[in-house]
Amino acid sequence: MASPQLQNIIQMIKAQPVRSDIPVEEKRANFEQLAAAFPIADDVKREKAEANGVPGEWLTPPGVPGDITVYWLHGGGYYMGSVNTHARLVALIAAACDGRAFAVDYRLAPEDPFPAGLDDAVAGYRWLLEQGVDPARLVIGGDSAGGGLTLATLQRLREAGDPLPAATVLLSPWTDLEGAGESIKTRREADPMIDPTTMPEMARGYHRDEDVRNPLVSPLHADFTGLPPMLIQVGDAEVLLDDSNRVYSRADAAGVDVTLEVNDEMIHVFQFFAPLLPEAVAAIERIGEFAKSHAGAAAAAR
C-alpha cells in the first residue's frame, strides 16, 4: 500500500487548473508555480553556464565528491518545464549519486519543434566532454519527455561516433508520441498528472511534419544496440506505463543491460515529489546506487 502522503500530493495536483484552452505561456507559468512548492535546498550550489550556445546550469549538492556527473534533460511534454522546475529533483539525484549535475534549457515546442530540442541536448552533452568530463563517469537521464529526449540523444551520439556515457536513467519516459500503448486507456482514471486527450496536440506541436514513428521522435522505435546500461523507473498508475514496458522489451532484446522498476500505485514522475513522498526518496536512492555501480570510481577503472 502506498504511503498516505501520496493522496495529499494527488489532491494538490487535481487542484491545478485543467482548462483545455489555457495558452502555452500560462501552462508554463502554472508549472513553474507548482515547482515553487518544492524548492531546491539553499545549500545546493547553482552556477549558470552556456553549453555551446545552450543555456544550462550546474547543480552541486554540498559535500559530494563530484566524481560522477549527471546530465539531465527535464520533462514537460516538450512544451514546458525548465532547469528551474526540475532543480530540486536533479539536485536530489546528483546527491544520491555523490556527484554534481548539469541540466539545459533546451528549446521548446511549439515555437521550436523537432529537432531543435534534440540539437540542444546533443550540444549540451558534447560541451560537457569539451569541459573535460569523463564519459566513463557520466550518467545521462531525463523524465517524461526528457526521457524520450535522452534516448534520442543517445541515438544521435552513437551514430555520430561520440563517446557514450556510462549509464542512462529514465523516469516515466515518453517514448511513443503516437500514443499506441494500452495504458493510455487502462490507466486514464488513475493518472492525475497527464490528460491523454491533450497528448496528441502536444505530440503534433513537437514533431510537426516529421513522421511520428521516426525513432528520434518516438524512441520506442529505435535500434537500442550498443546503448549503455539503463535504469527505467515508472509508476503503475500512469498512462505512460506501456511506454516504459515496451522500451524495456526492445532494449533487452537488443542486448542492453536494462532494469525496469514498476512502482505500485505511483503516478507519473513520482520522484518529483521527494522528499515529501517516501517512495520517491527510495527510488532516488536506487538511482544513486545504479549510477555509482556503473559510473563510480571502481566502475570507471574497469
C-alpha atoms as a PDB file:
ATOM      1  CA  MET A   1       0.000   0.000   0.000  1.00  0.00           C
ATOM      2  CA  ALA A   2       1.262   3.450  -0.901  1.00  0.00           C
ATOM      3  CA  SER A   3       2.164   5.932   1.789  1.00  0.00           C
ATOM      4  CA  PRO A   4      -0.594   8.356   2.911  1.00  0.00           C
ATOM      5  CA  GLN A   5       1.450  11.251   1.535  1.00  0.00           C
ATOM      6  CA  LEU A   6       0.581  10.110  -1.994  1.00  0.00           C
ATOM      7  CA  GLN A   7      -3.091  11.031  -1.638  1.00  0.00           C
ATOM      8  CA  ASN A   8      -2.185  14.516  -0.399  1.00  0.00           C
ATOM      9  CA  ILE A   9       0.002  15.015  -3.469  1.00  0.00           C
ATOM     10  CA  ILE A  10      -2.721  13.761  -5.810  1.00  0.00           C
ATOM     11  CA  GLN A  11      -5.213  16.201  -4.310  1.00  0.00           C
ATOM     12  CA  MET A  12      -2.731  19.042  -4.765  1.00  0.00           C
ATOM     13  CA  ILE A  13      -2.277  18.110  -8.431  1.00  0.00           C
ATOM     14  CA  LYS A  14      -6.010  17.891  -9.037  1.00  0.00           C
ATOM     15  CA  ALA A  15      -6.401  21.390  -7.618  1.00  0.00           C
ATOM     16  CA  GLN A  16      -4.366  22.810 -10.519  1.00  0.00           C
ATOM     17  CA  PRO A  17      -6.208  24.461 -13.470  1.00  0.00           C
ATOM     18  CA  VAL A  18      -7.335  21.916 -16.070  1.00  0.00           C
ATOM     19  CA  ARG A  19      -8.937  24.090 -18.775  1.00  0.00           C
ATOM     20  CA  SER A  20      -8.060  22.870 -22.252  1.00  0.00           C
ATOM     21  CA  ASP A  21      -7.918  26.408 -23.665  1.00  0.00           C
ATOM     22  CA  ILE A  22      -5.091  27.643 -21.415  1.00  0.00           C
ATOM     23  CA  PRO A  23      -2.381  29.319 -23.557  1.00  0.00           C
ATOM     24  CA  VAL A  24       1.004  27.631 -23.533  1.00  0.00           C
ATOM     25  CA  GLU A  25       2.558  30.590 -21.710  1.00  0.00           C
ATOM     26  CA  GLU A  26       0.055  30.165 -18.874  1.00  0.00           C
ATOM     27  CA  LYS A  27       0.669  26.408 -18.721  1.00  0.00           C
ATOM     28  CA  ARG A  28       4.372  27.072 -18.359  1.00  0.00           C
ATOM     29  CA  ALA A  29       3.738  29.608 -15.614  1.00  0.00           C
ATOM     30  CA  ASN A  30       1.472  27.140 -13.788  1.00  0.00           C
ATOM     31  CA  PHE A  31       4.218  24.521 -13.914  1.00  0.00           C
ATOM     32  CA  GLU A  32       6.724  26.989 -12.511  1.00  0.00           C
ATOM     33  CA  GLN A  33       4.231  27.781  -9.736  1.00  0.00           C
ATOM     34  CA  LEU A  34       3.794  24.097  -8.918  1.00  0.00           C
ATOM     35  CA  ALA A  35       7.561  23.627  -8.801  1.00  0.00           C
ATOM     36  CA  ALA A  36       7.859  26.589  -6.428  1.00  0.00           C
ATOM     37  CA  ALA A  37       6.049  24.483  -3.838  1.00  0.00           C
ATOM     38  CA  PHE A  38       9.047  22.118  -3.973  1.00  0.00           C
ATOM     39  CA  PRO A  39      12.038  24.471  -3.713  1.00  0.00           C
ATOM     40  CA  ILE A  40      15.632  23.398  -4.035  1.00  0.00           C
ATOM     41  CA  ALA A  41      17.702  23.335  -0.836  1.00  0.00           C
ATOM     42  CA  ASP A  42      19.562  26.562  -0.068  1.00  0.00           C
ATOM     43  CA  ASP A  43      22.894  24.768   0.259  1.00  0.00           C
ATOM     44  CA  VAL A  44      22.908  23.479  -3.326  1.00  0.00           C
ATOM     45  CA  LYS A  45      25.406  25.472  -5.373  1.00  0.00           C
ATOM     46  CA  ARG A  46      23.916  26.755  -8.613  1.00  0.00           C
ATOM     47  CA  GLU A  47      26.058  28.068 -11.470  1.00  0.00           C
ATOM     48  CA  LYS A  48      24.743  29.118 -14.869  1.00  0.00           C
ATOM     49  CA  ALA A  49      26.712  28.193 -17.980  1.00  0.00           C
ATOM     50  CA  GLU A  50      26.399  28.399 -21.760  1.00  0.00           C
ATOM     51  CA  ALA A  51      26.832  24.959 -23.300  1.00  0.00           C
ATOM     52  CA  ASN A  52      27.729  25.614 -26.942  1.00  0.00           C
ATOM     53  CA  GLY A  53      25.071  28.307 -27.007  1.00  0.00           C
ATOM     54  CA  VAL A  54      22.504  26.372 -24.957  1.00  0.00           C
ATOM     55  CA  PRO A  55      21.689  27.862 -21.544  1.00  0.00           C
ATOM     56  CA  GLY A  56      22.363  25.449 -18.720  1.00  0.00           C
ATOM     57  CA  GLU A  57      23.095  25.222 -15.041  1.00  0.00           C
ATOM     58  CA  TRP A  58      25.406  23.286 -12.752  1.00  0.00           C
ATOM     59  CA  LEU A  59      23.782  21.946  -9.575  1.00  0.00           C
ATOM     60  CA  THR A  60      26.218  20.792  -6.916  1.00  0.00           C
ATOM     61  CA  PRO A  61      24.904  19.440  -3.599  1.00  0.00           C
ATOM     62  CA  PRO A  62      27.062  20.101  -0.535  1.00  0.00           C
ATOM     63  CA  GLY A  63      29.763  17.667   0.489  1.00  0.00           C
ATOM     64  CA  VAL A  64      29.738  15.460  -2.619  1.00  0.00           C
ATOM     65  CA  PRO A  65      32.983  14.159  -4.150  1.00  0.00           C
ATOM     66  CA  GLY A  66      31.783  15.237  -7.603  1.00  0.00           C
ATOM     67  CA  ASP A  67      33.353  12.251  -9.347  1.00  0.00           C
ATOM     68  CA  ILE A  68      30.091  11.478 -11.159  1.00  0.00           C
ATOM     69  CA  THR A  69      28.380  13.988 -13.444  1.00  0.00           C
ATOM     70  CA  VAL A  70      24.657  13.671 -14.127  1.00  0.00           C
ATOM     71  CA  TYR A  71      23.445  15.254 -17.369  1.00  0.00           C
ATOM     72  CA  TRP A  72      19.681  15.784 -17.000  1.00  0.00           C
ATOM     73  CA  LEU A  73      17.023  16.600 -19.593  1.00  0.00           C
ATOM     74  CA  HIS A  74      13.848  17.887 -17.977  1.00  0.00           C
ATOM     75  CA  GLY A  75      10.312  16.798 -18.767  1.00  0.00           C
ATOM     76  CA  GLY A  76       7.233  18.822 -19.625  1.00  0.00           C
ATOM     77  CA  GLY A  77       5.802  17.390 -22.820  1.00  0.00           C
ATOM     78  CA  TYR A  78       8.419  19.173 -24.966  1.00  0.00           C
ATOM     79  CA  TYR A  79       6.474  22.436 -24.492  1.00  0.00           C
ATOM     80  CA  MET A  80       7.031  23.408 -20.862  1.00  0.00           C
ATOM     81  CA  GLY A  81       9.389  22.773 -17.966  1.00  0.00           C
ATOM     82  CA  SER A  82      12.842  24.171 -17.338  1.00  0.00           C
ATOM     83  CA  VAL A  83      16.006  23.715 -15.349  1.00  0.00           C
ATOM     84  CA  ASN A  84      14.271  25.738 -12.651  1.00  0.00           C
ATOM     85  CA  THR A  85      11.179  23.498 -12.414  1.00  0.00           C
ATOM     86  CA  HIS A  86      13.379  20.427 -12.062  1.00  0.00           C
ATOM     87  CA  ALA A  87      16.223  21.863  -9.995  1.00  0.00           C
ATOM     88  CA  ARG A  88      15.257  20.106  -6.782  1.00  0.00           C
ATOM     89  CA  LEU A  89      14.722  16.722  -8.420  1.00  0.00           C
ATOM     90  CA  VAL A  90      18.018  16.973 -10.288  1.00  0.00           C
ATOM     91  CA  ALA A  91      19.913  18.088  -7.181  1.00  0.00           C
ATOM     92  CA  LEU A  92      18.483  15.170  -5.180  1.00  0.00           C
ATOM     93  CA  ILE A  93      19.516  12.725  -7.898  1.00  0.00           C
ATOM     94  CA  ALA A  94      23.004  14.258  -8.014  1.00  0.00           C
ATOM     95  CA  ALA A  95      23.322  13.936  -4.231  1.00  0.00           C
ATOM     96  CA  ALA A  96      22.264  10.282  -4.374  1.00  0.00           C
ATOM     97  CA  CYS A  97      24.993   9.737  -6.973  1.00  0.00           C
ATOM     98  CA  ASP A  98      27.593  11.527  -4.791  1.00  0.00           C
ATOM     99  CA  GLY A  99      28.078  13.828  -7.747  1.00  0.00           C
ATOM    100  CA  ARG A 100      27.077  17.028  -9.470  1.00  0.00           C
ATOM    101  CA  ALA A 101      24.542  17.635 -12.208  1.00  0.00           C
ATOM    102  CA  PHE A 102      24.271  19.722 -15.324  1.00  0.00           C
ATOM    103  CA  ALA A 103      20.898  20.496 -16.913  1.00  0.00           C
ATOM    104  CA  VAL A 104      19.989  22.511 -20.008  1.00  0.00           C
ATOM    105  CA  ASP A 105      17.059  24.678 -21.035  1.00  0.00           C
ATOM    106  CA  TYR A 106      16.619  23.136 -24.463  1.00  0.00           C
ATOM    107  CA  ARG A 107      14.298  24.894 -26.898  1.00  0.00           C
ATOM    108  CA  LEU A 108      10.607  24.088 -26.550  1.00  0.00           C
ATOM    109  CA  ALA A 109       7.719  23.467 -28.917  1.00  0.00           C
ATOM    110  CA  PRO A 110       5.579  24.740 -30.466  1.00  0.00           C
ATOM    111  CA  GLU A 111       7.857  27.733 -31.077  1.00  0.00           C
ATOM    112  CA  ASP A 112      10.834  25.465 -31.740  1.00  0.00           C
ATOM    113  CA  PRO A 113       9.702  21.995 -32.867  1.00  0.00           C
ATOM    114  CA  PHE A 114      11.794  18.899 -33.564  1.00  0.00           C
ATOM    115  CA  PRO A 115      14.746  18.720 -33.939  1.00  0.00           C
ATOM    116  CA  ALA A 116      15.570  21.936 -32.056  1.00  0.00           C
ATOM    117  CA  GLY A 117      15.388  20.428 -28.569  1.00  0.00           C
ATOM    118  CA  LEU A 118      17.361  17.377 -29.680  1.00  0.00           C
ATOM    119  CA  ASP A 119      20.040  19.562 -31.247  1.00  0.00           C
ATOM    120  CA  ASP A 120      20.365  21.430 -27.944  1.00  0.00           C
ATOM    121  CA  ALA A 121      20.531  18.228 -25.899  1.00  0.00           C
ATOM    122  CA  VAL A 122      23.335  16.859 -28.072  1.00  0.00           C
ATOM    123  CA  ALA A 123      25.176  20.185 -27.953  1.00  0.00           C
ATOM    124  CA  GLY A 124      24.992  20.190 -24.152  1.00  0.00           C
ATOM    125  CA  TYR A 125      26.435  16.673 -23.942  1.00  0.00           C
ATOM    126  CA  ARG A 126      29.295  17.475 -26.279  1.00  0.00           C
ATOM    127  CA  TRP A 127      30.043  20.621 -24.293  1.00  0.00           C
ATOM    128  CA  LEU A 128      30.420  18.550 -21.130  1.00  0.00           C
ATOM    129  CA  LEU A 129      33.030  16.386 -22.832  1.00  0.00           C
ATOM    130  CA  GLU A 130      34.792  19.534 -24.058  1.00  0.00           C
ATOM    131  CA  GLN A 131      34.966  20.672 -20.422  1.00  0.00           C
ATOM    132  CA  GLY A 132      36.851  17.510 -19.560  1.00  0.00           C
ATOM    133  CA  VAL A 133      34.005  15.413 -18.176  1.00  0.00           C
ATOM    134  CA  ASP A 134      34.935  11.747 -18.482  1.00  0.00           C
ATOM    135  CA  PRO A 135      32.136   9.808 -20.244  1.00  0.00           C
ATOM    136  CA  ALA A 136      33.029   6.820 -18.031  1.00  0.00           C
ATOM    137  CA  ARG A 137      31.915   8.965 -15.074  1.00  0.00           C
ATOM    138  CA  LEU A 138      28.901  10.463 -16.843  1.00  0.00           C
ATOM    139  CA  VAL A 139      25.240   9.473 -16.414  1.00  0.00           C
ATOM    140  CA  ILE A 140      22.599  10.835 -18.784  1.00  0.00           C
ATOM    141  CA  GLY A 141      18.959  10.914 -17.758  1.00  0.00           C
ATOM    142  CA  GLY A 142      15.596  12.524 -18.143  1.00  0.00           C
ATOM    143  CA  ASP A 143      11.987  12.399 -17.042  1.00  0.00           C
ATOM    144  CA  SER A 144       8.864  12.126 -19.189  1.00  0.00           C
ATOM    145  CA  ALA A 145       9.576  13.956 -22.468  1.00  0.00           C
ATOM    146  CA  GLY A 146      13.119  14.399 -21.189  1.00  0.00           C
ATOM    147  CA  GLY A 147      13.360  10.623 -21.018  1.00  0.00           C
ATOM    148  CA  GLY A 148      12.407  10.329 -24.661  1.00  0.00           C
ATOM    149  CA  LEU A 149      14.855  13.099 -25.494  1.00  0.00           C
ATOM    150  CA  THR A 150      17.557  11.202 -23.608  1.00  0.00           C
ATOM    151  CA  LEU A 151      17.058   8.142 -25.808  1.00  0.00           C
ATOM    152  CA  ALA A 152      17.045  10.289 -28.948  1.00  0.00           C
ATOM    153  CA  THR A 153      20.263  11.967 -27.802  1.00  0.00           C
ATOM    154  CA  LEU A 154      21.943   8.603 -27.295  1.00  0.00           C
ATOM    155  CA  GLN A 155      20.962   7.564 -30.815  1.00  0.00           C
ATOM    156  CA  ARG A 156      22.430  10.724 -32.289  1.00  0.00           C
ATOM    157  CA  LEU A 157      25.654  10.325 -30.311  1.00  0.00           C
ATOM    158  CA  ARG A 158      26.041   6.657 -31.224  1.00  0.00           C
ATOM    159  CA  GLU A 159      25.504   7.286 -34.932  1.00  0.00           C
ATOM    160  CA  ALA A 160      27.999  10.171 -34.896  1.00  0.00           C
ATOM    161  CA  GLY A 161      30.633   8.083 -33.111  1.00  0.00           C
ATOM    162  CA  ASP A 162      30.696  10.219 -29.958  1.00  0.00           C
ATOM    163  CA  PRO A 163      31.762   8.516 -26.706  1.00  0.00           C
ATOM    164  CA  LEU A 164      28.642   7.320 -24.890  1.00  0.00           C
ATOM    165  CA  PRO A 165      28.020   7.861 -21.179  1.00  0.00           C
ATOM    166  CA  ALA A 166      28.420   5.130 -18.590  1.00  0.00           C
ATOM    167  CA  ALA A 167      24.719   4.770 -17.849  1.00  0.00           C
ATOM    168  CA  THR A 168      21.211   6.033 -18.550  1.00  0.00           C
ATOM    169  CA  VAL A 169      18.332   6.828 -16.164  1.00  0.00           C
ATOM    170  CA  LEU A 170      14.776   7.189 -17.475  1.00  0.00           C
ATOM    171  CA  LEU A 171      11.872   8.292 -15.283  1.00  0.00           C
ATOM    172  CA  SER A 172       8.439   7.628 -16.819  1.00  0.00           C
ATOM    173  CA  PRO A 173       9.825   8.319 -20.308  1.00  0.00           C
ATOM    174  CA  TRP A 174       7.513   9.444 -23.104  1.00  0.00           C
ATOM    175  CA  THR A 175       8.770   7.252 -25.926  1.00  0.00           C
ATOM    176  CA  ASP A 176       5.726   6.754 -28.172  1.00  0.00           C
ATOM    177  CA  LEU A 177       4.275  10.032 -29.442  1.00  0.00           C
ATOM    178  CA  GLU A 178       1.810   8.023 -31.496  1.00  0.00           C
ATOM    179  CA  GLY A 179       0.113   7.034 -28.223  1.00  0.00           C
ATOM    180  CA  ALA A 180      -0.403   3.368 -29.043  1.00  0.00           C
ATOM    181  CA  GLY A 181       0.203   1.951 -25.565  1.00  0.00           C
ATOM    182  CA  GLU A 182      -2.709   0.199 -23.845  1.00  0.00           C
ATOM    183  CA  SER A 183      -2.034   2.052 -20.590  1.00  0.00           C
ATOM    184  CA  ILE A 184      -3.225   5.250 -22.294  1.00  0.00           C
ATOM    185  CA  LYS A 185      -6.687   3.737 -21.813  1.00  0.00           C
ATOM    186  CA  THR A 186      -6.300   1.431 -18.823  1.00  0.00           C
ATOM    187  CA  ARG A 187      -4.566   3.979 -16.542  1.00  0.00           C
ATOM    188  CA  ARG A 188      -6.527   7.019 -17.691  1.00  0.00           C
ATOM    189  CA  GLU A 189      -8.536   7.417 -14.483  1.00  0.00           C
ATOM    190  CA  ALA A 190      -5.612   6.604 -12.211  1.00  0.00           C
ATOM    191  CA  ASP A 191      -3.153   9.184 -13.556  1.00  0.00           C
ATOM    192  CA  PRO A 192      -3.658  12.738 -12.197  1.00  0.00           C
ATOM    193  CA  MET A 193      -0.594  14.093 -13.982  1.00  0.00           C
ATOM    194  CA  ILE A 194      -1.399  13.516 -17.668  1.00  0.00           C
ATOM    195  CA  ASP A 195      -4.670  14.056 -19.503  1.00  0.00           C
ATOM    196  CA  PRO A 196      -4.481  11.692 -22.511  1.00  0.00           C
ATOM    197  CA  THR A 197      -6.762  13.970 -24.533  1.00  0.00           C
ATOM    198  CA  THR A 198      -4.025  16.629 -24.586  1.00  0.00           C
ATOM    199  CA  MET A 199      -1.267  14.287 -25.722  1.00  0.00           C
ATOM    200  CA  PRO A 200      -1.965  14.285 -29.496  1.00  0.00           C
ATOM    201  CA  GLU A 201      -1.795  18.078 -29.620  1.00  0.00           C
ATOM    202  CA  MET A 202       1.443  18.127 -27.638  1.00  0.00           C
ATOM    203  CA  ALA A 203       2.907  15.471 -29.915  1.00  0.00           C
ATOM    204  CA  ARG A 204       1.930  17.335 -33.108  1.00  0.00           C
ATOM    205  CA  GLY A 205       3.353  20.571 -31.734  1.00  0.00           C
ATOM    206  CA  TYR A 206       6.679  18.830 -31.286  1.00  0.00           C
ATOM    207  CA  HIS A 207       7.059  16.649 -34.386  1.00  0.00           C
ATOM    208  CA  ARG A 208       5.105  18.887 -36.837  1.00  0.00           C
ATOM    209  CA  ASP A 209       5.635  17.416 -40.331  1.00  0.00           C
ATOM    210  CA  GLU A 210       8.123  14.781 -39.153  1.00  0.00           C
ATOM    211  CA  ASP A 211       6.943  11.154 -39.118  1.00  0.00           C
ATOM    212  CA  VAL A 212       5.749  10.448 -35.573  1.00  0.00           C
ATOM    213  CA  ARG A 213       7.360   6.993 -35.805  1.00  0.00           C
ATOM    214  CA  ASN A 214      10.787   8.467 -36.540  1.00  0.00           C
ATOM    215  CA  PRO A 215      12.998   6.874 -33.838  1.00  0.00           C
ATOM    216  CA  LEU A 216      14.376  10.306 -32.949  1.00  0.00           C
ATOM    217  CA  VAL A 217      10.806  11.482 -32.276  1.00  0.00           C
ATOM    218  CA  SER A 218       9.409   8.281 -30.765  1.00  0.00           C
ATOM    219  CA  PRO A 219      12.431   6.376 -29.426  1.00  0.00           C
ATOM    220  CA  LEU A 220      10.277   3.297 -28.856  1.00  0.00           C
ATOM    221  CA  HIS A 221      11.092   2.508 -32.499  1.00  0.00           C
ATOM    222  CA  ALA A 222      14.842   2.969 -32.084  1.00  0.00           C
ATOM    223  CA  ASP A 223      17.609   0.438 -32.501  1.00  0.00           C
ATOM    224  CA  PHE A 224      18.895   0.062 -28.940  1.00  0.00           C
ATOM    225  CA  THR A 225      22.007  -1.892 -29.920  1.00  0.00           C
ATOM    226  CA  GLY A 226      25.110  -0.633 -28.143  1.00  0.00           C
ATOM    227  CA  LEU A 227      23.372   1.743 -25.742  1.00  0.00           C
ATOM    228  CA  PRO A 228      24.741   1.983 -22.191  1.00  0.00           C
ATOM    229  CA  PRO A 229      23.232   0.262 -19.130  1.00  0.00           C
ATOM    230  CA  MET A 230      19.771   1.621 -18.468  1.00  0.00           C
ATOM    231  CA  LEU A 231      17.518   2.041 -15.425  1.00  0.00           C
ATOM    232  CA  ILE A 232      13.831   2.728 -16.107  1.00  0.00           C
ATOM    233  CA  GLN A 233      11.527   3.753 -13.259  1.00  0.00           C
ATOM    234  CA  VAL A 234       7.792   4.111 -13.869  1.00  0.00           C
ATOM    235  CA  GLY A 235       4.598   4.118 -11.830  1.00  0.00           C
ATOM    236  CA  ASP A 236       1.867   1.523 -12.184  1.00  0.00           C
ATOM    237  CA  ALA A 237      -0.777   4.271 -12.077  1.00  0.00           C
ATOM    238  CA  GLU A 238       0.224   6.279 -15.134  1.00  0.00           C
ATOM    239  CA  VAL A 239      -0.808   6.408 -18.750  1.00  0.00           C
ATOM    240  CA  LEU A 240       2.787   6.141 -19.958  1.00  0.00           C
ATOM    241  CA  LEU A 241       3.378   2.808 -18.227  1.00  0.00           C
ATOM    242  CA  ASP A 242       3.472   0.935 -21.528  1.00  0.00           C
ATOM    243  CA  ASP A 243       5.982   3.390 -22.976  1.00  0.00           C
ATOM    244  CA  SER A 244       8.406   2.047 -20.368  1.00  0.00           C
ATOM    245  CA  ASN A 245       7.332  -1.582 -20.662  1.00  0.00           C
ATOM    246  CA  ARG A 246       7.861  -1.632 -24.420  1.00  0.00           C
ATOM    247  CA  VAL A 247      11.184   0.204 -24.293  1.00  0.00           C
ATOM    248  CA  TYR A 248      12.384  -2.307 -21.715  1.00  0.00           C
ATOM    249  CA  SER A 249      11.440  -5.193 -24.007  1.00  0.00           C
ATOM    250  CA  ARG A 250      13.144  -3.676 -27.040  1.00  0.00           C
ATOM    251  CA  ALA A 251      16.282  -2.716 -25.125  1.00  0.00           C
ATOM    252  CA  ASP A 252      16.512  -6.148 -23.530  1.00  0.00           C
ATOM    253  CA  ALA A 253      16.101  -7.837 -26.913  1.00  0.00           C
ATOM    254  CA  ALA A 254      18.946  -5.668 -28.259  1.00  0.00           C
ATOM    255  CA  GLY A 255      21.274  -6.874 -25.503  1.00  0.00           C
ATOM    256  CA  VAL A 256      21.229  -3.718 -23.391  1.00  0.00           C
ATOM    257  CA  ASP A 257      21.832  -4.162 -19.656  1.00  0.00           C
ATOM    258  CA  VAL A 258      18.417  -2.753 -18.722  1.00  0.00           C
ATOM    259  CA  THR A 259      16.491  -2.720 -15.451  1.00  0.00           C
ATOM    260  CA  LEU A 260      12.775  -1.873 -15.243  1.00  0.00           C
ATOM    261  CA  GLU A 261      11.198  -0.854 -11.921  1.00  0.00           C
ATOM    262  CA  VAL A 262       7.400  -0.626 -11.947  1.00  0.00           C
ATOM    263  CA  ASN A 263       6.356   1.071  -8.705  1.00  0.00           C
ATOM    264  CA  ASP A 264       2.956   0.074  -7.316  1.00  0.00           C
ATOM    265  CA  GLU A 265       0.333   2.854  -7.165  1.00  0.00           C
ATOM    266  CA  MET A 266       2.890   5.505  -8.132  1.00  0.00           C
ATOM    267  CA  ILE A 267       1.987   8.330 -10.514  1.00  0.00           C
ATOM    268  CA  HIS A 268       3.854   9.968 -13.382  1.00  0.00           C
ATOM    269  CA  VAL A 269       7.384  11.051 -12.350  1.00  0.00           C
ATOM    270  CA  PHE A 270       6.561  10.449  -8.685  1.00  0.00           C
ATOM    271  CA  GLN A 271      10.246  11.105  -7.878  1.00  0.00           C
ATOM    272  CA  PHE A 272       9.471  14.796  -8.403  1.00  0.00           C
ATOM    273  CA  PHE A 273       7.739  14.800  -5.012  1.00  0.00           C
ATOM    274  CA  ALA A 274      10.744  13.794  -2.920  1.00  0.00           C
ATOM    275  CA  PRO A 275      11.336  14.223  -0.034  1.00  0.00           C
ATOM    276  CA  LEU A 276       7.618  14.517   0.802  1.00  0.00           C
ATOM    277  CA  LEU A 277       6.885  11.099  -0.720  1.00  0.00           C
ATOM    278  CA  PRO A 278       8.791   8.188   0.894  1.00  0.00           C
ATOM    279  CA  GLU A 279       8.551   6.074  -2.264  1.00  0.00           C
ATOM    280  CA  ALA A 280      10.213   8.881  -4.207  1.00  0.00           C
ATOM    281  CA  VAL A 281      13.079   9.057  -1.716  1.00  0.00           C
ATOM    282  CA  ALA A 282      13.625   5.298  -2.002  1.00  0.00           C
ATOM    283  CA  ALA A 283      13.531   5.459  -5.817  1.00  0.00           C
ATOM    284  CA  ILE A 284      16.146   8.225  -5.925  1.00  0.00           C
ATOM    285  CA  GLU A 285      18.358   6.210  -3.600  1.00  0.00           C
ATOM    286  CA  ARG A 286      18.163   3.339  -6.082  1.00  0.00           C
ATOM    287  CA  ILE A 287      19.121   5.720  -8.886  1.00  0.00           C
ATOM    288  CA  GLY A 288      22.219   6.649  -6.905  1.00  0.00           C
ATOM    289  CA  GLU A 289      23.148   3.006  -6.365  1.00  0.00           C
ATOM    290  CA  PHE A 290      22.688   2.296 -10.063  1.00  0.00           C
ATOM    291  CA  ALA A 291      24.755   5.304 -11.127  1.00  0.00           C
ATOM    292  CA  LYS A 292      27.609   4.536  -8.760  1.00  0.00           C
ATOM    293  CA  SER A 293      27.703   0.910  -9.857  1.00  0.00           C
ATOM    294  CA  HIS A 294      28.250   1.967 -13.473  1.00  0.00           C
ATOM    295  CA  ALA A 295      29.962   5.374 -13.271  1.00  0.00           C
ATOM    296  CA  GLY A 296      31.678   5.329  -9.885  1.00  0.00           C
ATOM    297  CA  ALA A 297      35.439   5.220  -9.466  1.00  0.00           C
ATOM    298  CA  ALA A 298      35.650   1.427  -9.319  1.00  0.00           C
ATOM    299  CA  ALA A 299      33.341   1.008 -12.318  1.00  0.00           C
ATOM    300  CA  ALA A 300      35.187   3.604 -14.377  1.00  0.00           C
ATOM    301  CA  ALA A 301      38.512   1.900 -13.666  1.00  0.00           C
ATOM    302  CA  ARG A 302      37.339  -1.425 -15.079  1.00  0.00           C
END
